[in-house]
Amino acid sequence: MKHIRHYFCTALLGTAVLTACSGAEKVKSNTPVQITMWNYYNGAQKEEMDRLVQEFNDTVGLEQKIVVESVSKGSVSELEDAVRDSTDGKTGSDPLPDFCSAYADAAYDLWKKDKISDFRPYLTDEEYDSYISGYLEEGNFGTNAAMMIFPVAKSTEVLTINSTAWEPFASETGASLEELSTWEGLAQTAKAYYEWTDAKTETPNDGQAFFGRDSFANYILIGSHQLGHTIYSGENGSISVDVDPDTMRRLWDNFYVPYISGYYLEEGRFRSDDLKTGKLIAYVGSSSGAVYAPDQVTYDDGSTETIRCDILPLPGFAGASSCAVQQGAGAVMFRTDEKKEKAVVTFLKWLTREENNIPFCMASGYLPVTKTASDVERCISCMKEHNLELDPNVETMLKTAIPQVKEYRLYTTTPFPGAQDARKVIDSTLPERAMSDRQKVLELISSGMSLEAAVSECNTEEAFESWCEDTKAQLINLK
């Protein structure tokens, strides 16, 4: 606010001097353009954004007469609620900002309402091509809507493993980390880990789970896309459904079967929570979660163990091309006058320069969005140049995630009406069935049945077909 007052004082002084000389038209050009950004940043991410906004206002903003105000609306859902209320003109809502953070689905809804502008006309071809193409794709809504989302900070998914727990298992069984590069290999390794831990006690069937997964919908979306039959996609503003039996079978065999067998687990809110309590030793989650990677496990009996975690690339299906999700909110620009829109773009281009984007992303474990900034050594050196500390877990993540972004095909669903509902369907139908049937397996084991027999009792062709039909029906009903 200090700088805002400075600008307006300057403008008033300019008015007094220039009125007698050249009229009011020149005064208008000296008036600062004030733009407001709404976001959901909190903690370290908010602190870094506030620092960068202040730096912009003190430098480029001062020179070009642009004042940026950054307002955190709390969580993502609170931000989306605030934008929706303002868009709908709800009583008591705030005026819309000039730009805000937004995920693809929210951006698509705003575009359909003709509320946001295309960034593409404001960028040269060279500037546009400087951003990672996979990050630009989600904001391309078609003709005259080539760049409705400006990439700011991104993430992908990686495999985190408790190496302290892995090493004795690998030493005794010959298990290799290379086996974790495919879902088939991971499932086999999880089975071996369960059997290895089971053999450590006299109690039968008390083996430990090996693996868990956050954002299950990504497993279905990325997996089906990898196998050539993306389960759903947006076409011409509506949903297109492709439930291919062979594809669904591979998804089933590499999640449902190991889950009901006790090789996989989902217990805490996030799988990193399950790793912290020793319930599992590996999980797939967002690369941005590296800042939360634990360095200690607390077991049920209260004992603790210091651990070391390593980060590996996202597994894929054997024989399929490598593919990973790209995710993370970008920025959308609300329709206003050209002067304000140019100011918004000026700030966002400045924010995504590598010397600014790297510190912002590193503060919260996200990935830079330009091609030149997507370099591990550049990220490390940039942090040193700014005398900023780089979290060791984030550095470990970068060494896996940045090469993955370059080598994998990055995938994101095309937004369409009902996309969030479609995601909820695939996020729930298989996990809910797997959790329910895991309890049935445990009950059958308690009654004297072997693990193999109990699993076979649930893992039937009828169960598989029922899941396929149920999932397909729910998706089609969204049309």
Protein backbone atom coordinates (compact mmCIF):
# COMPACT_ATOMS: atom_id res chain seq x y z
CA MET A 1 0.00 0.00 0.00
CA LYS A 2 2.98 2.32 0.60
CA HIS A 3 3.81 2.13 -3.09
CA ILE A 4 0.20 2.68 -4.10
CA ARG A 5 0.15 5.90 -2.08
CA HIS A 6 3.45 6.92 -3.68
CA TYR A 7 2.01 6.43 -7.14
CA PHE A 8 -1.14 8.40 -6.48
CA CYS A 9 0.82 11.23 -4.89
CA THR A 10 3.02 11.30 -7.99
CA ALA A 11 -0.07 11.33 -10.19
CA LEU A 12 -1.61 14.26 -8.28
CA LEU A 13 1.60 16.26 -8.47
CA GLY A 14 1.77 15.54 -12.19
CA THR A 15 -1.78 16.82 -12.59
CA ALA A 16 -0.93 20.15 -11.00
CA VAL A 17 2.11 20.70 -13.20
CA LEU A 18 0.80 19.37 -16.51
CA THR A 19 -2.69 20.89 -16.59
CA ALA A 20 -1.25 24.27 -17.51
CA CYS A 21 1.09 22.78 -20.09
CA SER A 22 -0.57 20.08 -22.15
CA GLY A 23 -4.05 19.27 -20.86
CA ALA A 24 -5.58 16.26 -19.12
CA GLU A 25 -4.76 13.67 -21.79
CA LYS A 26 -1.12 13.41 -20.73
CA VAL A 27 -2.10 13.20 -17.07
CA LYS A 28 -4.07 10.03 -17.81
CA SER A 29 -0.99 8.28 -19.22
CA ASN A 30 0.90 8.96 -15.99
CA THR A 31 -1.76 7.39 -13.80
CA PRO A 32 -0.65 3.98 -12.46
CA VAL A 33 -2.59 0.93 -13.56
CA GLN A 34 -3.65 -0.99 -10.46
CA ILE A 35 -4.38 -4.71 -10.94
CA THR A 36 -5.59 -7.22 -8.38
CA MET A 37 -4.83 -10.93 -8.26
CA TRP A 38 -6.79 -13.48 -6.23
CA ASN A 39 -5.07 -16.73 -5.31
CA TYR A 40 -5.18 -19.60 -2.83
CA TYR A 41 -1.56 -19.33 -1.69
CA ASN A 42 -0.74 -19.94 1.95
CA GLY A 43 2.39 -20.44 4.04
CA ALA A 44 5.72 -20.39 2.21
CA GLN A 45 4.04 -20.02 -1.17
CA LYS A 46 2.13 -16.92 -0.04
CA GLU A 47 5.24 -15.42 1.54
CA GLU A 48 7.22 -15.89 -1.67
CA MET A 49 4.43 -14.48 -3.84
CA ASP A 50 4.10 -11.45 -1.57
CA ARG A 51 7.86 -10.91 -1.80
CA LEU A 52 7.80 -11.13 -5.58
CA VAL A 53 4.82 -8.78 -5.89
CA GLN A 54 6.65 -6.24 -3.75
CA GLU A 55 9.78 -6.63 -5.88
CA PHE A 56 7.78 -6.16 -9.08
CA ASN A 57 6.05 -3.05 -7.72
CA ASP A 58 9.44 -1.61 -6.71
CA THR A 59 11.09 -2.25 -10.08
CA VAL A 60 9.24 -3.04 -13.31
CA GLY A 61 5.96 -1.83 -11.87
CA LEU A 62 7.50 1.47 -10.82
CA GLU A 63 9.02 1.94 -14.27
CA GLN A 64 5.89 0.98 -16.21
CA LYS A 65 3.39 2.42 -13.73
CA ILE A 66 1.76 -0.86 -12.76
CA VAL A 67 0.73 -1.71 -9.20
CA VAL A 68 -0.09 -5.33 -8.35
CA GLU A 69 -2.09 -6.34 -5.30
CA SER A 70 -2.09 -10.02 -4.30
CA VAL A 71 -5.02 -11.31 -2.24
CA SER A 72 -5.19 -14.83 -0.82
CA LYS A 73 -8.75 -16.14 -0.59
CA GLY A 74 -7.70 -19.12 1.53
CA SER A 75 -8.10 -22.58 0.01
CA VAL A 76 -8.73 -23.54 -3.61
CA SER A 77 -12.41 -24.16 -2.88
CA GLU A 78 -12.74 -20.82 -1.08
CA LEU A 79 -11.15 -19.05 -4.04
CA GLU A 80 -13.49 -20.79 -6.49
CA ASP A 81 -16.49 -19.88 -4.31
CA ALA A 82 -15.41 -16.23 -4.20
CA VAL A 83 -14.95 -16.10 -7.98
CA ARG A 84 -18.31 -17.80 -8.55
CA ASP A 85 -20.11 -15.38 -6.21
CA SER A 86 -18.53 -12.36 -7.91
CA THR A 87 -19.23 -13.72 -11.39
CA ASP A 88 -22.88 -14.33 -10.49
CA GLY A 89 -23.22 -10.93 -8.85
CA LYS A 90 -24.14 -12.40 -5.48
CA THR A 91 -25.09 -9.81 -2.87
CA GLY A 92 -22.11 -8.93 -0.70
CA SER A 93 -19.54 -10.39 -3.08
CA ASP A 94 -16.39 -8.50 -4.01
CA PRO A 95 -15.82 -7.06 -7.49
CA LEU A 96 -14.01 -9.50 -9.75
CA PRO A 97 -10.21 -9.18 -9.70
CA ASP A 98 -8.21 -8.57 -12.86
CA PHE A 99 -6.76 -12.09 -12.74
CA CYS A 100 -6.77 -15.09 -10.45
CA SER A 101 -5.42 -18.59 -9.92
CA ALA A 102 -7.55 -21.27 -11.56
CA TYR A 103 -7.53 -24.94 -12.43
CA ALA A 104 -8.58 -26.02 -15.91
CA ASP A 105 -12.18 -26.93 -15.02
CA ALA A 106 -12.81 -23.58 -13.34
CA ALA A 107 -11.11 -21.77 -16.22
CA TYR A 108 -13.27 -23.61 -18.73
CA ASP A 109 -16.45 -22.60 -16.90
CA LEU A 110 -15.35 -18.95 -16.89
CA TRP A 111 -14.50 -19.16 -20.60
CA LYS A 112 -17.94 -20.60 -21.42
CA LYS A 113 -19.45 -17.62 -19.60
CA ASP A 114 -17.25 -15.30 -21.70
CA LYS A 115 -15.61 -13.88 -18.58
CA ILE A 116 -11.91 -14.37 -19.38
CA SER A 117 -9.53 -13.24 -22.12
CA ASP A 118 -7.02 -15.10 -24.26
CA PHE A 119 -3.37 -14.47 -23.33
CA ARG A 120 -2.03 -15.59 -26.71
CA PRO A 121 -2.42 -12.24 -28.58
CA TYR A 122 -0.21 -10.60 -25.94
CA LEU A 123 2.73 -12.99 -26.43
CA THR A 124 5.15 -13.18 -29.33
CA ASP A 125 5.77 -16.60 -30.88
CA GLU A 126 9.15 -16.71 -29.15
CA GLU A 127 7.61 -15.93 -25.76
CA TYR A 128 4.86 -18.51 -26.25
CA ASP A 129 7.35 -21.21 -27.29
CA SER A 130 9.48 -20.56 -24.20
CA TYR A 131 6.88 -22.35 -22.04
CA ILE A 132 6.76 -26.14 -21.78
CA SER A 133 4.24 -27.24 -24.39
CA GLY A 134 2.55 -29.77 -22.10
CA TYR A 135 1.72 -26.96 -19.69
CA LEU A 136 0.16 -24.85 -22.43
CA GLU A 137 -2.10 -27.58 -23.78
CA GLU A 138 -4.59 -27.47 -20.91
CA GLY A 139 -5.34 -23.81 -21.62
CA ASN A 140 -6.01 -24.32 -25.32
CA PHE A 141 -9.80 -24.36 -25.57
CA GLY A 142 -9.90 -24.08 -29.36
CA THR A 143 -10.34 -21.35 -31.96
CA ASN A 144 -9.79 -17.85 -30.54
CA ALA A 145 -9.03 -19.44 -27.17
CA ALA A 146 -5.46 -20.65 -27.61
CA MET A 147 -4.12 -19.68 -24.19
CA MET A 148 -6.85 -19.17 -21.65
CA ILE A 149 -4.59 -20.31 -18.80
CA PHE A 150 -1.16 -18.78 -18.14
CA PRO A 151 1.14 -21.41 -16.55
CA VAL A 152 2.65 -20.25 -13.27
CA ALA A 153 3.75 -23.32 -11.28
CA LYS A 154 3.23 -26.99 -12.10
CA SER A 155 3.59 -30.46 -10.66
CA THR A 156 3.53 -34.05 -11.84
CA GLU A 157 3.43 -37.37 -9.98
CA VAL A 158 6.38 -39.34 -8.67
CA LEU A 159 7.03 -42.50 -6.65
CA THR A 160 8.40 -41.92 -3.15
CA ILE A 161 10.02 -44.84 -1.33
CA ASN A 162 11.25 -45.34 2.22
CA SER A 163 14.76 -46.48 1.34
CA THR A 164 15.55 -47.34 4.95
CA ALA A 165 12.83 -50.01 4.86
CA TRP A 166 13.53 -51.00 1.25
CA GLU A 167 17.22 -51.81 1.61
CA PRO A 168 17.00 -54.83 3.97
CA PHE A 169 14.11 -56.22 1.91
CA ALA A 170 16.08 -55.81 -1.32
CA SER A 171 19.20 -57.27 0.27
CA GLU A 172 17.42 -60.45 1.39
CA THR A 173 15.17 -60.97 -1.63
CA GLY A 174 17.13 -59.50 -4.53
CA ALA A 175 14.37 -57.01 -5.30
CA SER A 176 15.41 -54.20 -7.63
CA LEU A 177 14.22 -50.61 -7.90
CA GLU A 178 14.06 -51.12 -11.66
CA GLU A 179 11.09 -53.42 -11.08
CA LEU A 180 9.18 -50.40 -9.80
CA SER A 181 9.23 -48.73 -13.22
CA THR A 182 6.05 -50.59 -14.28
CA TRP A 183 2.73 -51.20 -12.53
CA GLU A 184 3.14 -54.91 -13.17
CA GLY A 185 6.58 -54.92 -11.57
CA LEU A 186 5.38 -52.84 -8.64
CA ALA A 187 2.50 -55.24 -7.97
CA GLN A 188 4.86 -58.23 -8.01
CA THR A 189 7.29 -56.42 -5.70
CA ALA A 190 4.45 -55.55 -3.33
CA LYS A 191 3.48 -59.22 -3.19
CA ALA A 192 7.08 -60.19 -2.43
CA TYR A 193 7.28 -57.55 0.32
CA TYR A 194 4.05 -58.78 1.91
CA GLU A 195 5.35 -62.36 1.91
CA TRP A 196 8.77 -61.30 3.22
CA THR A 197 7.27 -59.37 6.16
CA ASP A 198 4.72 -62.12 6.77
CA ALA A 199 7.54 -64.64 7.17
CA LYS A 200 9.15 -62.48 9.87
CA THR A 201 6.48 -63.53 12.41
CA GLU A 202 4.78 -66.76 13.40
CA THR A 203 1.35 -65.24 12.77
CA PRO A 204 0.07 -66.16 9.30
CA ASN A 205 -1.25 -63.52 6.90
CA ASP A 206 0.10 -60.55 8.87
CA GLY A 207 2.32 -59.26 6.09
CA GLN A 208 2.67 -55.52 5.60
CA ALA A 209 1.38 -53.43 2.72
CA PHE A 210 3.99 -52.04 0.37
CA PHE A 211 2.26 -49.35 -1.69
CA GLY A 212 -0.47 -46.72 -1.79
CA ARG A 213 -1.62 -44.01 -4.15
CA ASP A 214 -2.97 -40.47 -3.93
CA SER A 215 -5.35 -39.13 -6.60
CA PHE A 216 -6.58 -42.50 -7.76
CA ALA A 217 -8.38 -40.92 -10.72
CA ASN A 218 -4.97 -40.17 -12.22
CA TYR A 219 -4.16 -43.89 -12.21
CA ILE A 220 -7.26 -44.60 -14.30
CA LEU A 221 -6.88 -41.59 -16.58
CA ILE A 222 -3.16 -41.87 -17.26
CA GLY A 223 -3.24 -45.67 -17.39
CA SER A 224 -6.12 -45.88 -19.85
CA HIS A 225 -4.55 -43.14 -21.96
CA GLN A 226 -1.23 -45.02 -21.98
CA LEU A 227 -2.98 -48.16 -23.14
CA GLY A 228 -4.70 -46.39 -26.01
CA HIS A 229 -8.24 -46.14 -24.64
CA THR A 230 -8.64 -43.01 -22.51
CA ILE A 231 -11.63 -43.85 -20.32
CA TYR A 232 -13.25 -40.47 -20.94
CA SER A 233 -12.40 -37.25 -22.69
CA GLY A 234 -14.05 -34.00 -23.64
CA GLU A 235 -15.16 -33.69 -27.25
CA ASN A 236 -17.10 -30.68 -28.56
CA GLY A 237 -18.11 -29.70 -25.06
CA SER A 238 -19.41 -33.12 -23.99
CA ILE A 239 -18.06 -36.37 -22.59
CA SER A 240 -16.85 -39.24 -24.76
CA VAL A 241 -16.61 -42.61 -22.96
CA ASP A 242 -14.28 -45.48 -23.93
CA VAL A 243 -14.46 -48.44 -21.53
CA ASP A 244 -12.21 -50.98 -23.25
CA PRO A 245 -12.30 -54.44 -21.54
CA ASP A 246 -8.59 -55.23 -22.06
CA THR A 247 -7.53 -51.83 -20.75
CA MET A 248 -9.85 -52.08 -17.77
CA ARG A 249 -8.53 -55.57 -17.01
CA ARG A 250 -4.95 -54.30 -16.71
CA LEU A 251 -6.09 -51.46 -14.48
CA TRP A 252 -8.02 -53.96 -12.34
CA ASP A 253 -5.24 -56.54 -12.10
CA ASN A 254 -2.66 -53.99 -11.00
CA PHE A 255 -4.74 -52.28 -8.34
CA TYR A 256 -7.78 -54.24 -7.24
CA VAL A 257 -6.03 -57.61 -6.94
CA PRO A 258 -3.00 -56.40 -4.93
CA TYR A 259 -5.28 -54.21 -2.80
CA ILE A 260 -7.65 -56.96 -1.68
CA SER A 261 -4.58 -59.16 -1.12
CA GLY A 262 -3.20 -56.68 1.41
CA TYR A 263 -0.26 -55.59 -0.72
CA TYR A 264 -1.64 -52.07 -1.19
CA LEU A 265 -3.22 -49.81 1.43
CA GLU A 266 -5.16 -46.59 1.88
CA GLU A 267 -5.70 -45.51 5.47
CA GLY A 268 -4.67 -41.92 6.24
CA ARG A 269 -5.81 -38.78 4.48
CA PHE A 270 -2.72 -38.90 2.27
CA ARG A 271 -0.40 -41.78 1.49
CA SER A 272 2.50 -39.79 2.95
CA ASP A 273 0.59 -40.12 6.25
CA ASP A 274 0.59 -43.90 5.82
CA LEU A 275 4.31 -43.86 5.16
CA LYS A 276 4.86 -41.77 8.31
CA THR A 277 3.12 -44.44 10.40
CA GLY A 278 4.90 -47.36 8.75
CA LYS A 279 1.72 -48.71 7.14
CA LEU A 280 3.47 -48.81 3.77
CA ILE A 281 6.89 -47.98 2.36
CA ALA A 282 6.11 -46.54 -1.08
CA TYR A 283 3.49 -44.27 -2.58
CA VAL A 284 2.68 -42.25 -5.68
CA GLY A 285 1.76 -38.65 -5.05
CA SER A 286 2.23 -35.15 -6.37
CA SER A 287 5.79 -33.97 -6.86
CA SER A 288 4.82 -30.88 -4.86
CA GLY A 289 4.36 -33.16 -1.86
CA ALA A 290 8.14 -33.48 -1.61
CA VAL A 291 8.14 -30.75 1.02
CA TYR A 292 6.10 -33.10 3.23
CA ALA A 293 8.23 -36.22 2.71
CA PRO A 294 8.86 -37.62 6.20
CA ASP A 295 12.26 -38.20 7.74
CA GLN A 296 10.83 -40.28 10.59
CA VAL A 297 8.34 -43.11 11.02
CA THR A 298 6.23 -43.41 14.16
CA TYR A 299 4.89 -46.93 14.63
CA ASP A 300 1.70 -48.01 16.40
CA ASP A 301 3.63 -48.92 19.56
CA GLY A 302 4.99 -45.38 19.81
CA SER A 303 8.51 -46.23 18.71
CA THR A 304 10.17 -44.08 16.05
CA GLU A 305 12.74 -44.63 13.34
CA THR A 306 14.71 -42.11 11.32
CA ILE A 307 14.35 -42.83 7.61
CA ARG A 308 15.66 -41.69 4.24
CA CYS A 309 13.28 -41.31 1.31
CA ASP A 310 14.18 -41.46 -2.35
CA ILE A 311 12.05 -40.37 -5.29
CA LEU A 312 11.63 -42.41 -8.45
CA PRO A 313 9.79 -41.76 -11.73
CA LEU A 314 6.08 -42.54 -12.03
CA PRO A 315 5.54 -46.19 -13.02
CA GLY A 316 3.73 -47.01 -16.26
CA PHE A 317 2.28 -50.08 -17.89
CA ALA A 318 4.77 -52.49 -19.43
CA GLY A 319 5.17 -51.99 -23.16
CA ALA A 320 3.38 -48.63 -23.20
CA SER A 321 4.93 -45.21 -23.82
CA SER A 322 5.73 -43.20 -20.70
CA CYS A 323 3.04 -40.76 -19.66
CA ALA A 324 2.41 -38.65 -16.57
CA VAL A 325 -0.12 -36.11 -15.41
CA GLN A 326 0.67 -32.40 -15.38
CA GLN A 327 -1.27 -30.46 -12.80
CA GLY A 328 -1.31 -27.22 -10.86
CA ALA A 329 -3.30 -24.03 -11.15
CA GLY A 330 -2.36 -21.35 -13.64
CA ALA A 331 -3.75 -17.83 -13.99
CA VAL A 332 -6.81 -16.60 -15.88
CA MET A 333 -7.41 -12.99 -16.89
CA PHE A 334 -10.85 -11.44 -16.60
CA ARG A 335 -12.13 -9.37 -19.50
CA THR A 336 -11.42 -5.69 -18.99
CA ASP A 337 -9.74 -2.90 -20.96
CA GLU A 338 -6.58 -3.43 -22.99
CA LYS A 339 -4.48 -1.33 -20.62
CA LYS A 340 -5.25 -3.56 -17.65
CA GLU A 341 -4.88 -6.75 -19.65
CA LYS A 342 -1.45 -5.65 -20.83
CA ALA A 343 -0.51 -4.92 -17.23
CA VAL A 344 -1.61 -8.41 -16.15
CA VAL A 345 0.45 -10.03 -18.90
CA THR A 346 3.46 -7.86 -18.07
CA PHE A 347 3.36 -9.10 -14.48
CA LEU A 348 2.84 -12.77 -15.41
CA LYS A 349 5.68 -12.72 -17.93
CA TRP A 350 7.89 -11.18 -15.25
CA LEU A 351 6.73 -13.72 -12.66
CA THR A 352 7.62 -16.62 -14.95
CA ARG A 353 11.12 -15.41 -15.76
CA GLU A 354 13.41 -18.09 -14.41
CA GLU A 355 15.05 -15.78 -11.85
CA ASN A 356 11.58 -15.19 -10.33
CA ASN A 357 9.72 -18.40 -11.14
CA ILE A 358 12.37 -20.73 -9.70
CA PRO A 359 12.36 -19.23 -6.17
CA PHE A 360 8.54 -19.10 -6.19
CA CYS A 361 8.25 -22.75 -7.24
CA MET A 362 11.02 -24.01 -4.97
CA ALA A 363 9.32 -22.45 -1.93
CA SER A 364 6.44 -24.90 -2.29
CA GLY A 365 7.90 -27.84 -4.20
CA TYR A 366 6.43 -26.94 -7.59
CA LEU A 367 8.12 -27.07 -10.99
CA PRO A 368 9.10 -24.02 -13.10
CA VAL A 369 7.10 -23.53 -16.27
CA THR A 370 9.64 -22.44 -18.89
CA LYS A 371 11.98 -24.68 -20.84
CA THR A 372 15.15 -22.91 -19.70
CA ALA A 373 14.13 -22.96 -16.02
CA SER A 374 13.36 -26.69 -16.17
CA ASP A 375 16.92 -27.67 -15.41
CA VAL A 376 18.06 -29.11 -12.09
CA GLU A 377 21.40 -27.33 -11.97
CA ARG A 378 19.80 -24.05 -13.00
CA CYS A 379 17.27 -24.35 -10.19
CA ILE A 380 20.01 -25.06 -7.64
CA SER A 381 22.25 -22.22 -8.83
CA CYS A 382 19.34 -19.77 -8.98
CA MET A 383 18.48 -20.44 -5.35
CA LYS A 384 22.12 -19.88 -4.38
CA GLU A 385 22.23 -16.62 -6.36
CA HIS A 386 19.23 -15.39 -4.37
CA ASN A 387 20.71 -16.64 -1.07
CA LEU A 388 17.66 -18.85 -0.61
CA GLU A 389 17.67 -22.27 1.01
CA LEU A 390 16.56 -25.23 -1.10
CA ASP A 391 14.76 -27.98 0.84
CA PRO A 392 16.80 -31.21 0.43
CA ASN A 393 13.59 -33.15 -0.30
CA VAL A 394 12.68 -30.67 -3.04
CA GLU A 395 16.15 -31.01 -4.55
CA THR A 396 15.76 -34.80 -4.57
CA MET A 397 12.37 -34.43 -6.22
CA LEU A 398 13.74 -32.11 -8.90
CA LYS A 399 16.33 -34.68 -9.96
CA THR A 400 13.49 -37.05 -10.83
CA ALA A 401 10.59 -34.78 -11.78
CA ILE A 402 12.37 -32.44 -14.19
CA PRO A 403 13.79 -35.23 -16.40
CA GLN A 404 10.38 -36.91 -16.23
CA VAL A 405 8.64 -33.77 -17.50
CA LYS A 406 11.08 -33.66 -20.41
CA GLU A 407 10.93 -37.37 -21.29
CA TYR A 408 7.31 -38.34 -20.56
CA ARG A 409 4.25 -37.27 -22.49
CA LEU A 410 2.39 -34.89 -20.20
CA TYR A 411 -1.34 -35.47 -20.05
CA THR A 412 -4.31 -33.55 -18.76
CA THR A 413 -7.99 -34.00 -19.54
CA THR A 414 -9.71 -31.53 -21.83
CA PRO A 415 -12.22 -29.55 -19.74
CA PHE A 416 -15.92 -30.00 -20.46
CA PRO A 417 -19.19 -29.53 -18.54
CA GLY A 418 -19.38 -32.29 -15.94
CA ALA A 419 -15.63 -33.03 -15.99
CA GLN A 420 -15.39 -32.84 -12.20
CA ASP A 421 -18.29 -35.29 -11.83
CA ALA A 422 -16.63 -37.68 -14.29
CA ARG A 423 -13.43 -37.55 -12.28
CA LYS A 424 -15.35 -38.33 -9.09
CA VAL A 425 -16.76 -41.46 -10.74
CA ILE A 426 -13.40 -42.95 -11.68
CA ASP A 427 -11.88 -41.78 -8.42
CA SER A 428 -14.34 -43.86 -6.40
CA THR A 429 -15.78 -46.91 -8.17
CA LEU A 430 -12.69 -49.14 -8.03
CA PRO A 431 -11.20 -47.99 -4.68
CA GLU A 432 -14.56 -48.36 -2.91
CA ARG A 433 -15.02 -51.86 -4.32
CA ALA A 434 -11.44 -52.79 -3.41
CA MET A 435 -11.80 -51.56 0.17
CA SER A 436 -15.08 -53.39 0.62
CA ASP A 437 -13.72 -56.63 -0.82
CA ARG A 438 -10.56 -56.37 1.29
CA GLN A 439 -12.77 -56.58 4.35
CA LYS A 440 -14.48 -59.65 2.87
CA VAL A 441 -11.08 -61.25 2.31
CA LEU A 442 -10.10 -60.62 5.93
CA GLU A 443 -13.38 -62.13 7.13
CA LEU A 444 -12.84 -65.22 4.99
CA ILE A 445 -9.30 -65.59 6.32
CA SER A 446 -10.64 -65.32 9.87
CA SER A 447 -13.01 -68.18 9.11
CA GLY A 448 -10.07 -70.39 8.14
CA MET A 449 -9.71 -69.78 4.41
CA SER A 450 -6.25 -69.18 2.91
CA LEU A 451 -5.33 -65.78 1.51
CA GLU A 452 -5.21 -67.14 -2.04
CA ALA A 453 -8.63 -68.77 -1.75
CA ALA A 454 -10.17 -65.68 -0.14
CA VAL A 455 -8.83 -63.44 -2.91
CA SER A 456 -10.16 -65.83 -5.57
CA GLU A 457 -13.57 -65.69 -3.92
CA CYS A 458 -13.73 -61.93 -4.59
CA ASN A 459 -11.63 -61.61 -7.73
CA THR A 460 -14.16 -63.08 -10.14
CA GLU A 461 -15.05 -62.34 -13.73
CA GLU A 462 -18.49 -61.24 -12.54
CA ALA A 463 -16.94 -58.73 -10.14
CA PHE A 464 -14.70 -57.31 -12.86
CA GLU A 465 -17.56 -56.98 -15.37
CA SER A 466 -19.77 -55.42 -12.72
CA TRP A 467 -17.16 -52.73 -12.08
CA CYS A 468 -16.77 -52.03 -15.80
CA GLU A 469 -20.52 -51.78 -16.35
CA ASP A 470 -21.10 -49.64 -13.28
CA THR A 471 -18.31 -47.22 -14.18
CA LYS A 472 -19.46 -46.97 -17.79
CA ALA A 473 -23.09 -46.40 -16.81
CA GLN A 474 -22.21 -43.63 -14.36
CA LEU A 475 -20.06 -41.86 -16.95
CA ILE A 476 -22.65 -42.14 -19.72
CA ASN A 477 -25.33 -40.77 -17.40
CA LEU A 478 -23.31 -37.55 -17.18
CA LYS A 479 -24.01 -36.78 -20.85
